[in-house]
Amino acid sequence: MKKLKARLDAFSDAVIAIILTIMVLDLTPVLRDNLNDYLLLSKEIGVYIISFAFVANMWYQHATLFNEIDDMSYRIMLVDFCF
């Protein structure tokens, strides 16, 4: 079960990395050089930073909790997949 724990931890890290990558792809580039577009971009970046901090905190909590688990069970695996 140690091997399963390591693989599940790596899988969870990969899923969270993909989520963070998809979030940054949603930022729209500024096509025209005017103040309105830059203000809109700064608003999107602010929302991205807050969302990134939220997902990063969830990843940290998951990694901390997962580090405390000694014995892996199928119930923990199922709960992790739901996460």
PDB file of N, CA and C in Angstrom:
ATOM      1  N   MET A   1       0.811  -1.205   0.000  1.00  0.00           N
ATOM      2  CA  MET A   1       0.000   0.000   0.000  1.00  0.00           C
ATOM      3  C   MET A   1       0.853   1.269   0.000  1.00  0.00           C
ATOM      4  N   LYS A   2       2.150   1.165   0.319  1.00  0.00           N
ATOM      5  CA  LYS A   2       3.028   2.339   0.289  1.00  0.00           C
ATOM      6  C   LYS A   2       3.176   2.855  -1.145  1.00  0.00           C
ATOM      7  N   LYS A   3       3.257   1.911  -2.091  1.00  0.00           N
ATOM      8  CA  LYS A   3       3.387   2.293  -3.495  1.00  0.00           C
ATOM      9  C   LYS A   3       2.115   3.005  -3.970  1.00  0.00           C
ATOM     10  N   LEU A   4       0.968   2.532  -3.527  1.00  0.00           N
ATOM     11  CA  LEU A   4      -0.301   3.153  -3.890  1.00  0.00           C
ATOM     12  C   LEU A   4      -0.381   4.568  -3.330  1.00  0.00           C
ATOM     13  N   LYS A   5       0.101   4.746  -2.111  1.00  0.00           N
ATOM     14  CA  LYS A   5       0.092   6.073  -1.493  1.00  0.00           C
ATOM     15  C   LYS A   5       0.946   7.044  -2.302  1.00  0.00           C
ATOM     16  N   ALA A   6       2.125   6.612  -2.713  1.00  0.00           N
ATOM     17  CA  ALA A   6       3.018   7.476  -3.488  1.00  0.00           C
ATOM     18  C   ALA A   6       2.403   7.813  -4.844  1.00  0.00           C
ATOM     19  N   ARG A   7       1.790   6.828  -5.471  1.00  0.00           N
ATOM     20  CA  ARG A   7       1.182   7.073  -6.791  1.00  0.00           C
ATOM     21  C   ARG A   7      -0.033   7.997  -6.679  1.00  0.00           C
ATOM     22  N   LEU A   8      -0.842   7.794  -5.642  1.00  0.00           N
ATOM     23  CA  LEU A   8      -2.021   8.635  -5.457  1.00  0.00           C
ATOM     24  C   LEU A   8      -1.613  10.066  -5.123  1.00  0.00           C
ATOM     25  N   ASP A   9      -0.543  10.229  -4.354  1.00  0.00           N
ATOM     26  CA  ASP A   9      -0.044  11.562  -4.035  1.00  0.00           C
ATOM     27  C   ASP A   9       0.465  12.252  -5.293  1.00  0.00           C
ATOM     28  N   ALA A  10       1.188  11.540  -6.134  1.00  0.00           N
ATOM     29  CA  ALA A  10       1.680  12.107  -7.392  1.00  0.00           C
ATOM     30  C   ALA A  10       0.520  12.454  -8.326  1.00  0.00           C
ATOM     31  N   PHE A  11      -0.505  11.602  -8.361  1.00  0.00           N
ATOM     32  CA  PHE A  11      -1.683  11.867  -9.192  1.00  0.00           C
ATOM     33  C   PHE A  11      -2.398  13.136  -8.730  1.00  0.00           C
ATOM     34  N   SER A  12      -2.569  13.282  -7.432  1.00  0.00           N
ATOM     35  CA  SER A  12      -3.234  14.474  -6.899  1.00  0.00           C
ATOM     36  C   SER A  12      -2.431  15.732  -7.200  1.00  0.00           C
ATOM     37  N   ASP A  13      -1.105  15.655  -7.059  1.00  0.00           N
ATOM     38  CA  ASP A  13      -0.265  16.804  -7.397  1.00  0.00           C
ATOM     39  C   ASP A  13      -0.406  17.169  -8.873  1.00  0.00           C
ATOM     40  N   ALA A  14      -0.466  16.177  -9.733  1.00  0.00           N
ATOM     41  CA  ALA A  14      -0.602  16.437 -11.170  1.00  0.00           C
ATOM     42  C   ALA A  14      -1.945  17.079 -11.497  1.00  0.00           C
ATOM     43  N   VAL A  15      -3.003  16.609 -10.874  1.00  0.00           N
ATOM     44  CA  VAL A  15      -4.330  17.182 -11.128  1.00  0.00           C
ATOM     45  C   VAL A  15      -4.369  18.638 -10.689  1.00  0.00           C
ATOM     46  N   ILE A  16      -3.795  18.942  -9.537  1.00  0.00           N
ATOM     47  CA  ILE A  16      -3.790  20.326  -9.062  1.00  0.00           C
ATOM     48  C   ILE A  16      -2.924  21.198  -9.966  1.00  0.00           C
ATOM     49  N   ALA A  17      -1.810  20.672 -10.468  1.00  0.00           N
ATOM     50  CA  ALA A  17      -0.973  21.435 -11.399  1.00  0.00           C
ATOM     51  C   ALA A  17      -1.727  21.729 -12.695  1.00  0.00           C
ATOM     52  N   ILE A  18      -2.508  20.775 -13.171  1.00  0.00           N
ATOM     53  CA  ILE A  18      -3.309  20.995 -14.381  1.00  0.00           C
ATOM     54  C   ILE A  18      -4.374  22.053 -14.129  1.00  0.00           C
ATOM     55  N   ILE A  19      -4.991  22.023 -12.953  1.00  0.00           N
ATOM     56  CA  ILE A  19      -5.997  23.035 -12.605  1.00  0.00           C
ATOM     57  C   ILE A  19      -5.372  24.426 -12.623  1.00  0.00           C
ATOM     58  N   LEU A  20      -4.185  24.573 -12.033  1.00  0.00           N
ATOM     59  CA  LEU A  20      -3.514  25.874 -12.013  1.00  0.00           C
ATOM     60  C   LEU A  20      -3.133  26.327 -13.421  1.00  0.00           C
ATOM     61  N   THR A  21      -2.752  25.402 -14.275  1.00  0.00           N
ATOM     62  CA  THR A  21      -2.407  25.748 -15.656  1.00  0.00           C
ATOM     63  C   THR A  21      -3.635  26.203 -16.432  1.00  0.00           C
ATOM     64  N   ILE A  22      -4.733  25.516 -16.258  1.00  0.00           N
ATOM     65  CA  ILE A  22      -5.965  25.906 -16.952  1.00  0.00           C
ATOM     66  C   ILE A  22      -6.442  27.271 -16.478  1.00  0.00           C
ATOM     67  N   MET A  23      -6.240  27.558 -15.190  1.00  0.00           N
ATOM     68  CA  MET A  23      -6.654  28.867 -14.672  1.00  0.00           C
ATOM     69  C   MET A  23      -5.882  29.997 -15.350  1.00  0.00           C
ATOM     70  N   VAL A  24      -4.578  29.825 -15.582  1.00  0.00           N
ATOM     71  CA  VAL A  24      -3.795  30.904 -16.188  1.00  0.00           C
ATOM     72  C   VAL A  24      -4.122  31.047 -17.675  1.00  0.00           C
ATOM     73  N   LEU A  25      -4.588  29.999 -18.311  1.00  0.00           N
ATOM     74  CA  LEU A  25      -4.954  30.091 -19.725  1.00  0.00           C
ATOM     75  C   LEU A  25      -6.201  30.929 -19.946  1.00  0.00           C
ATOM     76  N   ASP A  26      -6.965  31.169 -18.894  1.00  0.00           N
ATOM     77  CA  ASP A  26      -8.199  31.931 -19.006  1.00  0.00           C
ATOM     78  C   ASP A  26      -7.945  33.444 -19.030  1.00  0.00           C
ATOM     79  N   LEU A  27      -6.731  33.881 -18.730  1.00  0.00           N
ATOM     80  CA  LEU A  27      -6.431  35.316 -18.774  1.00  0.00           C
ATOM     81  C   LEU A  27      -6.423  35.791 -20.224  1.00  0.00           C
ATOM     82  N   THR A  28      -7.130  36.874 -20.494  1.00  0.00           N
ATOM     83  CA  THR A  28      -7.199  37.394 -21.860  1.00  0.00           C
ATOM     84  C   THR A  28      -6.113  38.449 -22.066  1.00  0.00           C
ATOM     85  N   PRO A  29      -5.369  38.357 -23.152  1.00  0.00           N
ATOM     86  CA  PRO A  29      -4.301  39.355 -23.389  1.00  0.00           C
ATOM     87  C   PRO A  29      -4.893  40.692 -23.818  1.00  0.00           C
ATOM     88  N   VAL A  30      -4.140  41.752 -23.579  1.00  0.00           N
ATOM     89  CA  VAL A  30      -4.553  43.093 -24.004  1.00  0.00           C
ATOM     90  C   VAL A  30      -4.214  43.248 -25.479  1.00  0.00           C
ATOM     91  N   LEU A  31      -5.239  43.490 -26.283  1.00  0.00           N
ATOM     92  CA  LEU A  31      -5.026  43.616 -27.725  1.00  0.00           C
ATOM     93  C   LEU A  31      -4.878  45.067 -28.154  1.00  0.00           C
ATOM     94  N   ARG A  32      -5.518  45.969 -27.425  1.00  0.00           N
ATOM     95  CA  ARG A  32      -5.409  47.392 -27.734  1.00  0.00           C
ATOM     96  C   ARG A  32      -4.740  48.095 -26.564  1.00  0.00           C
ATOM     97  N   ASP A  33      -4.047  49.151 -26.850  1.00  0.00           N
ATOM     98  CA  ASP A  33      -3.291  49.865 -25.819  1.00  0.00           C
ATOM     99  C   ASP A  33      -4.146  50.999 -25.244  1.00  0.00           C
ATOM    100  N   ASN A  34      -5.134  50.648 -24.429  1.00  0.00           N
ATOM    101  CA  ASN A  34      -5.908  51.684 -23.749  1.00  0.00           C
ATOM    102  C   ASN A  34      -6.102  51.306 -22.270  1.00  0.00           C
ATOM    103  N   LEU A  35      -6.450  52.267 -21.483  1.00  0.00           N
ATOM    104  CA  LEU A  35      -6.522  52.099 -20.036  1.00  0.00           C
ATOM    105  C   LEU A  35      -7.604  51.100 -19.630  1.00  0.00           C
ATOM    106  N   ASN A  36      -8.728  51.099 -20.335  1.00  0.00           N
ATOM    107  CA  ASN A  36      -9.830  50.190 -19.994  1.00  0.00           C
ATOM    108  C   ASN A  36      -9.411  48.727 -20.074  1.00  0.00           C
ATOM    109  N   ASP A  37      -8.682  48.369 -21.125  1.00  0.00           N
ATOM    110  CA  ASP A  37      -8.236  46.989 -21.287  1.00  0.00           C
ATOM    111  C   ASP A  37      -7.241  46.594 -20.201  1.00  0.00           C
ATOM    112  N   TYR A  38      -6.366  47.523 -19.823  1.00  0.00           N
ATOM    113  CA  TYR A  38      -5.401  47.231 -18.759  1.00  0.00           C
ATOM    114  C   TYR A  38      -6.095  47.086 -17.398  1.00  0.00           C
ATOM    115  N   LEU A  39      -7.122  47.882 -17.168  1.00  0.00           N
ATOM    116  CA  LEU A  39      -7.884  47.754 -15.920  1.00  0.00           C
ATOM    117  C   LEU A  39      -8.607  46.406 -15.858  1.00  0.00           C
ATOM    118  N   LEU A  40      -9.160  46.003 -16.986  1.00  0.00           N
ATOM    119  CA  LEU A  40      -9.823  44.702 -17.043  1.00  0.00           C
ATOM    120  C   LEU A  40      -8.824  43.572 -16.816  1.00  0.00           C
ATOM    121  N   LEU A  41      -7.631  43.699 -17.413  1.00  0.00           N
ATOM    122  CA  LEU A  41      -6.590  42.694 -17.212  1.00  0.00           C
ATOM    123  C   LEU A  41      -6.140  42.656 -15.753  1.00  0.00           C
ATOM    124  N   SER A  42      -6.003  43.818 -15.127  1.00  0.00           N
ATOM    125  CA  SER A  42      -5.583  43.825 -13.720  1.00  0.00           C
ATOM    126  C   SER A  42      -6.651  43.198 -12.828  1.00  0.00           C
ATOM    127  N   LYS A  43      -7.916  43.370 -13.173  1.00  0.00           N
ATOM    128  CA  LYS A  43      -8.989  42.727 -12.412  1.00  0.00           C
ATOM    129  C   LYS A  43      -8.898  41.206 -12.562  1.00  0.00           C
ATOM    130  N   GLU A  44      -8.679  40.741 -13.794  1.00  0.00           N
ATOM    131  CA  GLU A  44      -8.534  39.300 -14.041  1.00  0.00           C
ATOM    132  C   GLU A  44      -7.317  38.729 -13.317  1.00  0.00           C
ATOM    133  N   ILE A  45      -6.226  39.475 -13.297  1.00  0.00           N
ATOM    134  CA  ILE A  45      -5.033  39.004 -12.591  1.00  0.00           C
ATOM    135  C   ILE A  45      -5.291  38.939 -11.094  1.00  0.00           C
ATOM    136  N   GLY A  46      -6.018  39.911 -10.556  1.00  0.00           N
ATOM    137  CA  GLY A  46      -6.376  39.878  -9.137  1.00  0.00           C
ATOM    138  C   GLY A  46      -7.212  38.658  -8.787  1.00  0.00           C
ATOM    139  N   VAL A  47      -8.187  38.359  -9.617  1.00  0.00           N
ATOM    140  CA  VAL A  47      -9.018  37.167  -9.398  1.00  0.00           C
ATOM    141  C   VAL A  47      -8.173  35.906  -9.520  1.00  0.00           C
ATOM    142  N   TYR A  48      -7.231  35.901 -10.478  1.00  0.00           N
ATOM    143  CA  TYR A  48      -6.352  34.747 -10.642  1.00  0.00           C
ATOM    144  C   TYR A  48      -5.473  34.548  -9.411  1.00  0.00           C
ATOM    145  N   ILE A  49      -4.940  35.626  -8.863  1.00  0.00           N
ATOM    146  CA  ILE A  49      -4.076  35.513  -7.681  1.00  0.00           C
ATOM    147  C   ILE A  49      -4.851  34.955  -6.493  1.00  0.00           C
ATOM    148  N   ILE A  50      -6.078  35.434  -6.305  1.00  0.00           N
ATOM    149  CA  ILE A  50      -6.904  34.922  -5.208  1.00  0.00           C
ATOM    150  C   ILE A  50      -7.227  33.447  -5.435  1.00  0.00           C
ATOM    151  N   SER A  51      -7.595  33.090  -6.658  1.00  0.00           N
ATOM    152  CA  SER A  51      -7.899  31.695  -6.972  1.00  0.00           C
ATOM    153  C   SER A  51      -6.666  30.810  -6.828  1.00  0.00           C
ATOM    154  N   PHE A  52      -5.505  31.312  -7.267  1.00  0.00           N
ATOM    155  CA  PHE A  52      -4.264  30.559  -7.134  1.00  0.00           C
ATOM    156  C   PHE A  52      -3.948  30.311  -5.666  1.00  0.00           C
ATOM    157  N   ALA A  53      -4.122  31.336  -4.833  1.00  0.00           N
ATOM    158  CA  ALA A  53      -3.854  31.183  -3.403  1.00  0.00           C
ATOM    159  C   ALA A  53      -4.798  30.157  -2.783  1.00  0.00           C
ATOM    160  N   PHE A  54      -6.056  30.156  -3.206  1.00  0.00           N
ATOM    161  CA  PHE A  54      -7.028  29.197  -2.687  1.00  0.00           C
ATOM    162  C   PHE A  54      -6.647  27.771  -3.070  1.00  0.00           C
ATOM    163  N   VAL A  55      -6.318  27.557  -4.340  1.00  0.00           N
ATOM    164  CA  VAL A  55      -5.952  26.208  -4.797  1.00  0.00           C
ATOM    165  C   VAL A  55      -4.621  25.782  -4.180  1.00  0.00           C
ATOM    166  N   ALA A  56      -3.664  26.703  -4.068  1.00  0.00           N
ATOM    167  CA  ALA A  56      -2.386  26.373  -3.452  1.00  0.00           C
ATOM    168  C   ALA A  56      -2.574  25.998  -1.978  1.00  0.00           C
ATOM    169  N   ASN A  57      -3.472  26.681  -1.285  1.00  0.00           N
ATOM    170  CA  ASN A  57      -3.765  26.337   0.103  1.00  0.00           C
ATOM    171  C   ASN A  57      -4.408  24.955   0.201  1.00  0.00           C
ATOM    172  N   MET A  58      -5.304  24.650  -0.730  1.00  0.00           N
ATOM    173  CA  MET A  58      -5.906  23.314  -0.741  1.00  0.00           C
ATOM    174  C   MET A  58      -4.845  22.250  -0.992  1.00  0.00           C
ATOM    175  N   TRP A  59      -3.898  22.529  -1.912  1.00  0.00           N
ATOM    176  CA  TRP A  59      -2.814  21.586  -2.179  1.00  0.00           C
ATOM    177  C   TRP A  59      -1.947  21.390  -0.941  1.00  0.00           C
ATOM    178  N   TYR A  60      -1.632  22.486  -0.249  1.00  0.00           N
ATOM    179  CA  TYR A  60      -0.804  22.399   0.950  1.00  0.00           C
ATOM    180  C   TYR A  60      -1.504  21.589   2.043  1.00  0.00           C
ATOM    181  N   GLN A  61      -2.785  21.846   2.247  1.00  0.00           N
ATOM    182  CA  GLN A  61      -3.543  21.101   3.258  1.00  0.00           C
ATOM    183  C   GLN A  61      -3.610  19.620   2.888  1.00  0.00           C
ATOM    184  N   HIS A  62      -3.800  19.336   1.622  1.00  0.00           N
ATOM    185  CA  HIS A  62      -3.852  17.948   1.161  1.00  0.00           C
ATOM    186  C   HIS A  62      -2.506  17.263   1.369  1.00  0.00           C
ATOM    187  N   ALA A  63      -1.419  17.953   1.021  1.00  0.00           N
ATOM    188  CA  ALA A  63      -0.080  17.368   1.175  1.00  0.00           C
ATOM    189  C   ALA A  63       0.247  17.137   2.649  1.00  0.00           C
ATOM    190  N   THR A  64      -0.130  18.078   3.496  1.00  0.00           N
ATOM    191  CA  THR A  64       0.117  17.929   4.935  1.00  0.00           C
ATOM    192  C   THR A  64      -0.680  16.761   5.498  1.00  0.00           C
ATOM    193  N   LEU A  65      -1.936  16.678   5.133  1.00  0.00           N
ATOM    194  CA  LEU A  65      -2.786  15.589   5.624  1.00  0.00           C
ATOM    195  C   LEU A  65      -2.313  14.245   5.075  1.00  0.00           C
ATOM    196  N   PHE A  66      -1.945  14.224   3.815  1.00  0.00           N
ATOM    197  CA  PHE A  66      -1.507  12.979   3.180  1.00  0.00           C
ATOM    198  C   PHE A  66      -0.188  12.485   3.771  1.00  0.00           C
ATOM    199  N   ASN A  67       0.641  13.423   4.231  1.00  0.00           N
ATOM    200  CA  ASN A  67       1.904  13.062   4.850  1.00  0.00           C
ATOM    201  C   ASN A  67       1.692  12.358   6.196  1.00  0.00           C
ATOM    202  N   GLU A  68       0.573  12.633   6.845  1.00  0.00           N
ATOM    203  CA  GLU A  68       0.276  12.038   8.151  1.00  0.00           C
ATOM    204  C   GLU A  68      -0.272  10.618   8.040  1.00  0.00           C
ATOM    205  N   ILE A  69      -0.710  10.228   6.868  1.00  0.00           N
ATOM    206  CA  ILE A  69      -1.312   8.905   6.679  1.00  0.00           C
ATOM    207  C   ILE A  69      -0.213   7.855   6.621  1.00  0.00           C
ATOM    208  N   ASP A  70      -0.316   6.855   7.488  1.00  0.00           N
ATOM    209  CA  ASP A  70       0.652   5.767   7.486  1.00  0.00           C
ATOM    210  C   ASP A  70       0.155   4.580   6.670  1.00  0.00           C
ATOM    211  N   ASP A  71      -1.109   4.230   6.866  1.00  0.00           N
ATOM    212  CA  ASP A  71      -1.676   3.055   6.208  1.00  0.00           C
ATOM    213  C   ASP A  71      -2.748   3.501   5.224  1.00  0.00           C
ATOM    214  N   MET A  72      -2.564   3.157   3.980  1.00  0.00           N
ATOM    215  CA  MET A  72      -3.497   3.536   2.928  1.00  0.00           C
ATOM    216  C   MET A  72      -4.624   2.521   2.840  1.00  0.00           C
ATOM    217  N   SER A  73      -5.847   3.037   2.733  1.00  0.00           N
ATOM    218  CA  SER A  73      -6.992   2.152   2.556  1.00  0.00           C
ATOM    219  C   SER A  73      -7.755   2.593   1.306  1.00  0.00           C
ATOM    220  N   TYR A  74      -8.656   1.737   0.868  1.00  0.00           N
ATOM    221  CA  TYR A  74      -9.446   2.083  -0.310  1.00  0.00           C
ATOM    222  C   TYR A  74     -10.416   3.218  -0.013  1.00  0.00           C
ATOM    223  N   ARG A  75     -10.815   3.356   1.221  1.00  0.00           N
ATOM    224  CA  ARG A  75     -11.699   4.455   1.614  1.00  0.00           C
ATOM    225  C   ARG A  75     -10.973   5.794   1.451  1.00  0.00           C
ATOM    226  N   ILE A  76      -9.715   5.847   1.895  1.00  0.00           N
ATOM    227  CA  ILE A  76      -8.929   7.073   1.729  1.00  0.00           C
ATOM    228  C   ILE A  76      -8.731   7.357   0.251  1.00  0.00           C
ATOM    229  N   MET A  77      -8.490   6.342  -0.544  1.00  0.00           N
ATOM    230  CA  MET A  77      -8.317   6.516  -1.977  1.00  0.00           C
ATOM    231  C   MET A  77      -9.589   7.082  -2.612  1.00  0.00           C
ATOM    232  N   LEU A  78     -10.732   6.581  -2.217  1.00  0.00           N
ATOM    233  CA  LEU A  78     -12.001   7.061  -2.753  1.00  0.00           C
ATOM    234  C   LEU A  78     -12.259   8.510  -2.367  1.00  0.00           C
ATOM    235  N   VAL A  79     -11.971   8.849  -1.121  1.00  0.00           N
ATOM    236  CA  VAL A  79     -12.153  10.228  -0.673  1.00  0.00           C
ATOM    237  C   VAL A  79     -11.197  11.165  -1.421  1.00  0.00           C
ATOM    238  N   ASP A  80      -9.991  10.705  -1.682  1.00  0.00           N
ATOM    239  CA  ASP A  80      -9.021  11.511  -2.419  1.00  0.00           C
ATOM    240  C   ASP A  80      -9.481  11.725  -3.862  1.00  0.00           C
ATOM    241  N   PHE A  81     -10.049  10.720  -4.483  1.00  0.00           N
ATOM    242  CA  PHE A  81     -10.568  10.890  -5.836  1.00  0.00           C
ATOM    243  C   PHE A  81     -11.736  11.880  -5.850  1.00  0.00           C
ATOM    244  N   CYS A  82     -12.553  11.868  -4.817  1.00  0.00           N
ATOM    245  CA  CYS A  82     -13.649  12.842  -4.728  1.00  0.00           C
ATOM    246  C   CYS A  82     -13.117  14.248  -4.547  1.00  0.00           C
ATOM    247  N   PHE A  83     -11.995  14.372  -3.858  1.00  0.00           N
ATOM    248  CA  PHE A  83     -11.366  15.672  -3.669  1.00  0.00           C
ATOM    249  C   PHE A  83     -10.952  16.234  -5.019  1.00  0.00           C
TER     250      PHE A  83
END
